[in-house]
């Protein structure tokens, strides 16, 4: 738990194939925007 846009890249660099970001999206006032930010962090 606790995966967010600040640490999601580290999660994948550590070898994860997937990341559950449910809290990050559920707690956001703009979940679509938050999801795009998370994806940008991973795909850079």
N, C-alpha and C. Protein backbone atom coordinates (compact mmCIF):
# COMPACT_ATOMS: atom_id res chain seq x y z
N UNK A 1 0.81 -1.20 0.00
CA UNK A 1 0.00 0.00 0.00
C UNK A 1 0.85 1.25 0.00
N UNK A 2 0.23 2.36 -0.20
CA UNK A 2 0.94 3.63 -0.16
C UNK A 2 1.64 4.00 -1.44
N UNK A 3 1.33 3.32 -2.53
CA UNK A 3 1.96 3.66 -3.80
C UNK A 3 1.31 4.92 -4.35
N UNK A 4 2.16 5.88 -4.71
CA UNK A 4 1.67 7.15 -5.21
C UNK A 4 2.62 7.66 -6.29
N UNK A 5 2.38 8.87 -6.79
CA UNK A 5 3.21 9.37 -7.89
C UNK A 5 4.65 9.66 -7.46
N UNK A 6 4.89 9.79 -6.16
CA UNK A 6 6.25 10.02 -5.69
C UNK A 6 7.08 8.75 -5.67
N UNK A 7 6.45 7.59 -5.49
CA UNK A 7 7.23 6.36 -5.34
C UNK A 7 6.91 5.27 -6.36
N UNK A 8 6.01 5.51 -7.29
CA UNK A 8 5.61 4.45 -8.21
C UNK A 8 6.77 3.99 -9.10
N UNK A 9 7.62 4.90 -9.50
CA UNK A 9 8.76 4.51 -10.36
C UNK A 9 9.66 3.53 -9.62
N UNK A 10 9.91 3.79 -8.35
CA UNK A 10 10.75 2.90 -7.54
C UNK A 10 10.16 1.50 -7.46
N UNK A 11 8.85 1.42 -7.39
CA UNK A 11 8.17 0.12 -7.32
C UNK A 11 8.50 -0.71 -8.56
N UNK A 12 8.42 -0.09 -9.73
CA UNK A 12 8.71 -0.81 -10.96
C UNK A 12 10.21 -1.05 -11.15
N UNK A 13 11.03 -0.12 -10.71
CA UNK A 13 12.47 -0.32 -10.79
C UNK A 13 12.92 -1.47 -9.90
N UNK A 14 12.15 -1.74 -8.85
CA UNK A 14 12.46 -2.85 -7.95
C UNK A 14 12.01 -4.19 -8.52
N UNK A 15 11.33 -4.17 -9.66
CA UNK A 15 10.97 -5.42 -10.32
C UNK A 15 9.49 -5.75 -10.38
N UNK A 16 8.64 -4.88 -9.87
CA UNK A 16 7.20 -5.17 -9.91
C UNK A 16 6.68 -5.16 -11.35
N UNK A 17 5.74 -6.03 -11.62
CA UNK A 17 5.07 -6.05 -12.93
C UNK A 17 3.79 -5.22 -12.90
N UNK A 18 3.22 -5.07 -11.71
CA UNK A 18 1.96 -4.35 -11.53
C UNK A 18 2.03 -3.52 -10.25
N UNK A 19 1.15 -2.52 -10.17
CA UNK A 19 1.05 -1.72 -8.95
C UNK A 19 -0.41 -1.37 -8.72
N UNK A 20 -0.89 -1.59 -7.52
CA UNK A 20 -2.25 -1.21 -7.15
C UNK A 20 -2.21 0.20 -6.57
N UNK A 21 -2.89 1.11 -7.20
CA UNK A 21 -2.87 2.51 -6.78
C UNK A 21 -4.27 2.97 -6.39
N UNK A 22 -5.02 2.09 -5.79
CA UNK A 22 -6.42 2.34 -5.47
C UNK A 22 -6.58 3.53 -4.53
N UNK A 23 -5.80 3.58 -3.47
CA UNK A 23 -5.93 4.69 -2.52
C UNK A 23 -5.57 6.01 -3.17
N UNK A 24 -4.51 6.01 -3.98
CA UNK A 24 -4.09 7.24 -4.65
C UNK A 24 -5.22 7.78 -5.53
N UNK A 25 -5.93 6.89 -6.21
CA UNK A 25 -7.02 7.32 -7.08
C UNK A 25 -8.28 7.65 -6.29
N UNK A 26 -8.61 6.83 -5.30
CA UNK A 26 -9.84 7.03 -4.52
C UNK A 26 -9.79 8.32 -3.71
N UNK A 27 -8.61 8.70 -3.27
CA UNK A 27 -8.47 9.91 -2.44
C UNK A 27 -8.31 11.18 -3.27
N UNK A 28 -8.19 11.03 -4.57
CA UNK A 28 -7.98 12.18 -5.45
C UNK A 28 -9.32 12.80 -5.86
N UNK A 29 -9.34 14.13 -5.93
CA UNK A 29 -10.54 14.82 -6.41
C UNK A 29 -10.67 14.68 -7.92
N UNK A 30 -9.55 14.40 -8.59
CA UNK A 30 -9.53 14.21 -10.04
C UNK A 30 -8.79 12.91 -10.36
N UNK A 31 -9.45 11.76 -10.19
CA UNK A 31 -8.77 10.48 -10.38
C UNK A 31 -8.23 10.26 -11.79
N UNK A 32 -8.91 10.76 -12.79
CA UNK A 32 -8.41 10.61 -14.16
C UNK A 32 -7.09 11.32 -14.35
N UNK A 33 -7.01 12.52 -13.82
CA UNK A 33 -5.78 13.31 -13.90
C UNK A 33 -4.67 12.62 -13.10
N UNK A 34 -5.01 12.11 -11.94
CA UNK A 34 -4.04 11.41 -11.09
C UNK A 34 -3.51 10.17 -11.80
N UNK A 35 -4.39 9.43 -12.46
CA UNK A 35 -3.97 8.23 -13.18
C UNK A 35 -3.00 8.59 -14.30
N UNK A 36 -3.29 9.65 -15.03
CA UNK A 36 -2.38 10.07 -16.10
C UNK A 36 -1.01 10.44 -15.54
N UNK A 37 -0.97 11.11 -14.39
CA UNK A 37 0.31 11.46 -13.76
C UNK A 37 1.08 10.20 -13.36
N UNK A 38 0.37 9.24 -12.79
CA UNK A 38 1.01 7.99 -12.38
C UNK A 38 1.59 7.27 -13.60
N UNK A 39 0.83 7.21 -14.66
CA UNK A 39 1.29 6.53 -15.88
C UNK A 39 2.50 7.23 -16.48
N UNK A 40 2.51 8.55 -16.45
CA UNK A 40 3.67 9.29 -16.96
C UNK A 40 4.93 8.95 -16.18
N UNK A 41 4.80 8.81 -14.88
CA UNK A 41 5.96 8.48 -14.03
C UNK A 41 6.53 7.12 -14.38
N UNK A 42 5.67 6.21 -14.78
CA UNK A 42 6.10 4.84 -15.07
C UNK A 42 6.65 4.72 -16.49
N UNK A 43 6.10 5.49 -17.42
CA UNK A 43 6.46 5.32 -18.82
C UNK A 43 7.54 6.27 -19.29
N UNK A 44 8.07 7.10 -18.43
CA UNK A 44 9.14 8.04 -18.82
C UNK A 44 10.37 7.29 -19.27
